[in-house]
C-alpha atoms as a PDB file:
ATOM      1  CA  MET A   1     108.992 107.231  86.595  1.00  0.00           C
ATOM      2  CA  SER A   2     110.579 104.615  88.837  1.00  0.00           C
ATOM      3  CA  ILE A   3     109.566 104.491  92.488  1.00  0.00           C
ATOM      4  CA  HIS A   4     112.048 102.747  94.759  1.00  0.00           C
ATOM      5  CA  VAL A   5     111.095 101.063  98.035  1.00  0.00           C
ATOM      6  CA  VAL A   6     113.626  99.680 100.504  1.00  0.00           C
ATOM      7  CA  PHE A   7     112.572  97.600 103.499  1.00  0.00           C
ATOM      8  CA  VAL A   8     114.734  97.707 106.635  1.00  0.00           C
ATOM      9  CA  CYS A   9     115.002  95.428 109.655  1.00  0.00           C
ATOM     10  CA  LEU A  10     117.909  94.612 111.972  1.00  0.00           C
ATOM     11  CA  GLY A  11     119.904  91.898 110.206  1.00  0.00           C
ATOM     12  CA  ASN A  12     118.225  91.679 106.774  1.00  0.00           C
ATOM     13  CA  ILE A  13     117.647  87.926 107.059  1.00  0.00           C
ATOM     14  CA  CYS A  14     114.063  87.587 108.346  1.00  0.00           C
ATOM     15  CA  ARG A  15     111.510  90.374 107.973  1.00  0.00           C
ATOM     16  CA  SER A  16     112.903  92.747 105.343  1.00  0.00           C
ATOM     17  CA  PRO A  17     113.839  90.086 102.757  1.00  0.00           C
ATOM     18  CA  ALA A  18     110.364  88.572 103.155  1.00  0.00           C
ATOM     19  CA  ALA A  19     108.794  92.012 102.709  1.00  0.00           C
ATOM     20  CA  GLN A  20     110.918  92.566  99.601  1.00  0.00           C
ATOM     21  CA  GLY A  21     109.835  89.253  98.088  1.00  0.00           C
ATOM     22  CA  ILE A  22     106.173  89.874  98.847  1.00  0.00           C
ATOM     23  CA  LEU A  23     106.142  93.394  97.402  1.00  0.00           C
ATOM     24  CA  GLU A  24     108.091  92.309  94.315  1.00  0.00           C
ATOM     25  CA  TYR A  25     105.485  89.602  93.709  1.00  0.00           C
ATOM     26  CA  LYS A  26     102.543  91.953  94.244  1.00  0.00           C
ATOM     27  CA  VAL A  27     104.102  94.625  92.018  1.00  0.00           C
ATOM     28  CA  ALA A  28     104.595  92.066  89.233  1.00  0.00           C
ATOM     29  CA  GLN A  29     101.036  90.754  89.646  1.00  0.00           C
ATOM     30  CA  ALA A  30      99.733  94.321  89.336  1.00  0.00           C
ATOM     31  CA  GLY A  31     101.798  94.931  86.187  1.00  0.00           C
ATOM     32  CA  LEU A  32     103.792  97.689  87.887  1.00  0.00           C
ATOM     33  CA  SER A  33     107.334  96.285  87.640  1.00  0.00           C
ATOM     34  CA  GLU A  34     108.393  99.069  85.279  1.00  0.00           C
ATOM     35  CA  HIS A  35     107.238 101.657  87.835  1.00  0.00           C
ATOM     36  CA  ILE A  36     108.251 100.199  91.207  1.00  0.00           C
ATOM     37  CA  SER A  37     111.537  98.610  92.275  1.00  0.00           C
ATOM     38  CA  VAL A  38     112.131  96.960  95.640  1.00  0.00           C
ATOM     39  CA  ASP A  39     115.135  96.169  97.838  1.00  0.00           C
ATOM     40  CA  SER A  40     115.891  95.367 101.474  1.00  0.00           C
ATOM     41  CA  CYS A  41     118.685  95.874 103.969  1.00  0.00           C
ATOM     42  CA  GLY A  42     119.451  95.871 107.678  1.00  0.00           C
ATOM     43  CA  THR A  43     120.752  98.396 110.153  1.00  0.00           C
ATOM     44  CA  ALA A  44     123.305  95.945 111.581  1.00  0.00           C
ATOM     45  CA  ALA A  45     126.347  94.641 109.736  1.00  0.00           C
ATOM     46  CA  PHE A  46     126.593  91.171 111.274  1.00  0.00           C
ATOM     47  CA  ASN A  47     124.736  89.290 108.487  1.00  0.00           C
ATOM     48  CA  ILE A  48     126.305  90.950 105.449  1.00  0.00           C
ATOM     49  CA  GLY A  49     126.635  88.416 102.640  1.00  0.00           C
ATOM     50  CA  LYS A  50     124.316  85.833 104.204  1.00  0.00           C
ATOM     51  CA  ALA A  51     121.167  84.341 102.718  1.00  0.00           C
ATOM     52  CA  PRO A  52     117.857  84.857 104.493  1.00  0.00           C
ATOM     53  CA  ASP A  53     117.145  82.685 107.543  1.00  0.00           C
ATOM     54  CA  PRO A  54     116.040  79.218 106.335  1.00  0.00           C
ATOM     55  CA  ARG A  55     112.819  79.564 108.360  1.00  0.00           C
ATOM     56  CA  SER A  56     112.024  82.811 106.549  1.00  0.00           C
ATOM     57  CA  ILE A  57     112.751  81.219 103.175  1.00  0.00           C
ATOM     58  CA  GLN A  58     110.475  78.291 104.041  1.00  0.00           C
ATOM     59  CA  ALA A  59     107.618  80.453 105.354  1.00  0.00           C
ATOM     60  CA  ALA A  60     107.824  82.703 102.280  1.00  0.00           C
ATOM     61  CA  GLU A  61     107.918  79.692  99.961  1.00  0.00           C
ATOM     62  CA  LYS A  62     104.811  78.194 101.623  1.00  0.00           C
ATOM     63  CA  ALA A  63     103.016  81.459 100.863  1.00  0.00           C
ATOM     64  CA  GLY A  64     104.221  81.526  97.246  1.00  0.00           C
ATOM     65  CA  TYR A  65     107.236  83.869  97.431  1.00  0.00           C
ATOM     66  CA  ASP A  66     110.855  83.081  96.553  1.00  0.00           C
ATOM     67  CA  ILE A  67     113.375  84.983  98.670  1.00  0.00           C
ATOM     68  CA  SER A  68     116.129  82.357  98.501  1.00  0.00           C
ATOM     69  CA  GLN A  69     118.435  84.370  96.232  1.00  0.00           C
ATOM     70  CA  GLN A  70     118.562  87.508  98.362  1.00  0.00           C
ATOM     71  CA  ILE A  71     121.786  88.462 100.127  1.00  0.00           C
ATOM     72  CA  ALA A  72     121.870  90.459 103.366  1.00  0.00           C
ATOM     73  CA  ARG A  73     123.435  93.888 103.348  1.00  0.00           C
ATOM     74  CA  GLN A  74     123.563  96.967 105.537  1.00  0.00           C
ATOM     75  CA  ILE A  75     121.763 100.223 104.755  1.00  0.00           C
ATOM     76  CA  CYS A  76     123.968 102.836 103.100  1.00  0.00           C
ATOM     77  CA  ASP A  77     123.716 106.409 101.842  1.00  0.00           C
ATOM     78  CA  ASP A  78     122.760 105.172  98.380  1.00  0.00           C
ATOM     79  CA  ASP A  79     119.565 103.709  99.814  1.00  0.00           C
ATOM     80  CA  TYR A  80     118.471 107.167 100.882  1.00  0.00           C
ATOM     81  CA  HIS A  81     119.519 108.788  97.609  1.00  0.00           C
ATOM     82  CA  ARG A  82     117.547 106.435  95.388  1.00  0.00           C
ATOM     83  CA  SER A  83     114.561 105.534  97.592  1.00  0.00           C
ATOM     84  CA  HIS A  84     111.199 107.199  97.687  1.00  0.00           C
ATOM     85  CA  TYR A  85     110.164 104.966 100.589  1.00  0.00           C
ATOM     86  CA  VAL A  86     112.353 103.626 103.390  1.00  0.00           C
ATOM     87  CA  ILE A  87     110.036 101.233 105.200  1.00  0.00           C
ATOM     88  CA  VAL A  88     111.082  99.902 108.582  1.00  0.00           C
ATOM     89  CA  MET A  89     109.826  96.934 110.610  1.00  0.00           C
ATOM     90  CA  ASP A  90     110.178  98.238 114.183  1.00  0.00           C
ATOM     91  CA  ARG A  91     110.746 101.386 116.225  1.00  0.00           C
ATOM     92  CA  LYS A  92     114.345 100.647 117.231  1.00  0.00           C
ATOM     93  CA  ASN A  93     115.433 100.341 113.615  1.00  0.00           C
ATOM     94  CA  LEU A  94     113.242 103.301 112.687  1.00  0.00           C
ATOM     95  CA  SER A  95     115.233 105.454 115.129  1.00  0.00           C
ATOM     96  CA  ASN A  96     118.488 104.415 113.467  1.00  0.00           C
ATOM     97  CA  VAL A  97     117.158 104.924 109.942  1.00  0.00           C
ATOM     98  CA  GLU A  98     115.896 108.406 110.819  1.00  0.00           C
ATOM     99  CA  ALA A  99     119.141 109.360 112.568  1.00  0.00           C
ATOM    100  CA  TRP A 100     121.273 108.212 109.631  1.00  0.00           C
ATOM    101  CA  ALA A 101     119.177 109.907 106.935  1.00  0.00           C
ATOM    102  CA  PRO A 102     121.110 112.566 105.015  1.00  0.00           C
ATOM    103  CA  ALA A 103     119.876 116.132 105.453  1.00  0.00           C
ATOM    104  CA  ASP A 104     118.757 116.225 101.813  1.00  0.00           C
ATOM    105  CA  PHE A 105     116.634 113.043 101.981  1.00  0.00           C
ATOM    106  CA  ASN A 106     113.157 113.929 100.806  1.00  0.00           C
ATOM    107  CA  GLY A 107     111.542 110.498 100.705  1.00  0.00           C
ATOM    108  CA  GLU A 108     109.209 108.885 103.175  1.00  0.00           C
ATOM    109  CA  ILE A 109     110.496 106.988 106.224  1.00  0.00           C
ATOM    110  CA  ASN A 110     107.851 105.014 108.098  1.00  0.00           C
ATOM    111  CA  LEU A 111     107.030 101.832 109.950  1.00  0.00           C
ATOM    112  CA  LEU A 112     105.450  99.309 107.587  1.00  0.00           C
ATOM    113  CA  LEU A 113     102.399  98.925 109.800  1.00  0.00           C
ATOM    114  CA  HIS A 114     101.846 102.688 109.588  1.00  0.00           C
ATOM    115  CA  TYR A 115     100.130 102.106 106.236  1.00  0.00           C
ATOM    116  CA  GLN A 116      97.835  99.407 107.543  1.00  0.00           C
ATOM    117  CA  SER A 117      96.884 100.999 110.841  1.00  0.00           C
ATOM    118  CA  ASN A 118      96.466 104.572 109.612  1.00  0.00           C
ATOM    119  CA  GLY A 119      99.463 106.134 111.279  1.00  0.00           C
ATOM    120  CA  GLY A 120      99.765 103.807 114.235  1.00  0.00           C
ATOM    121  CA  ASN A 121     102.963 103.010 116.057  1.00  0.00           C
ATOM    122  CA  SER A 122     102.711  99.231 115.605  1.00  0.00           C
ATOM    123  CA  GLN A 123     105.719  97.171 114.726  1.00  0.00           C
ATOM    124  CA  ILE A 124     106.478  93.762 113.265  1.00  0.00           C
ATOM    125  CA  PRO A 125     108.302  91.667 115.861  1.00  0.00           C
ATOM    126  CA  ASP A 126     111.563  89.970 114.950  1.00  0.00           C
ATOM    127  CA  PRO A 127     110.863  86.211 114.694  1.00  0.00           C
ATOM    128  CA  PHE A 128     114.558  85.255 114.824  1.00  0.00           C
ATOM    129  CA  TYR A 129     114.478  83.923 118.396  1.00  0.00           C
ATOM    130  CA  ASP A 130     111.088  82.227 117.992  1.00  0.00           C
ATOM    131  CA  ASP A 131     110.054  78.960 116.386  1.00  0.00           C
ATOM    132  CA  ALA A 132     109.280  78.453 112.699  1.00  0.00           C
ATOM    133  CA  GLU A 133     105.567  79.017 113.300  1.00  0.00           C
ATOM    134  CA  GLN A 134     106.236  82.658 114.142  1.00  0.00           C
ATOM    135  CA  PHE A 135     107.725  83.144 110.655  1.00  0.00           C
ATOM    136  CA  ASP A 136     104.396  82.071 109.128  1.00  0.00           C
ATOM    137  CA  HIS A 137     102.637  84.696 111.245  1.00  0.00           C
ATOM    138  CA  VAL A 138     105.148  87.349 110.113  1.00  0.00           C
ATOM    139  CA  ILE A 139     104.497  86.478 106.450  1.00  0.00           C
ATOM    140  CA  ARG A 140     100.731  86.910 106.924  1.00  0.00           C
ATOM    141  CA  THR A 141     101.281  90.225 108.740  1.00  0.00           C
ATOM    142  CA  LEU A 142     103.624  91.418 105.998  1.00  0.00           C
ATOM    143  CA  GLU A 143     101.158  90.479 103.260  1.00  0.00           C
ATOM    144  CA  ASN A 144      98.387  92.592 104.763  1.00  0.00           C
ATOM    145  CA  ALA A 145     100.649  95.557 105.495  1.00  0.00           C
ATOM    146  CA  ILE A 146     102.211  95.420 102.029  1.00  0.00           C
ATOM    147  CA  ASP A 147      98.768  95.473 100.418  1.00  0.00           C
ATOM    148  CA  ALA A 148      98.135  98.718 102.304  1.00  0.00           C
ATOM    149  CA  LEU A 149     101.578 100.112 101.378  1.00  0.00           C
ATOM    150  CA  LEU A 150     101.077  99.281  97.697  1.00  0.00           C
ATOM    151  CA  SER A 151      97.680 100.941  97.772  1.00  0.00           C
ATOM    152  CA  HIS A 152      99.298 104.055  99.306  1.00  0.00           C
ATOM    153  CA  ILE A 153     102.033 104.113  96.649  1.00  0.00           C
ATOM    154  CA  ARG A 154      99.519 103.674  93.840  1.00  0.00           C
ATOM    155  CA  GLN A 155      97.394 106.511  95.206  1.00  0.00           C
ATOM    156  CA  GLN A 156     100.350 108.855  95.796  1.00  0.00           C
ATOM    157  CA  HIS A 157     101.809 108.265  92.321  1.00  0.00           C
ATOM    158  CA  GLN A 158      98.549 107.752  90.419  1.00  0.00           C
ATOM    159  CA  LEU A 159      99.416 104.230  89.270  1.00  0.00           C
END
């Protein structure tokens, strides 16, 4: 059984590619690569085809994750059709993701911090307009939340 997770933020160049890289690493470390696949995308189209923000690449690299080869793209119907989990960084993008979901989507759509804060409404702020230090903070926040998400997935799917 293959479980697919897609992370979503606005432009797919800061938060969601970092989340993808972190979860891919953690899945591989846990020996679950044959069971869990990971992707990322954005709700906006303005970064399609671009690499992640250099500050995000650098912050991820400092923490041991390589996201340099990812390419930004916009969410599409296929993401809903193949994903078990559509995981969003903030409430604004969550509203879009929920509104665009096909009627037959039966996966889980949630804020990433939902898994860490037991159903809370917390969100991961977009570091794009901040300095490079904020990207380091986002990586640490993502790591903790992704540990909780992976634990949830393992429990739900008995992995």
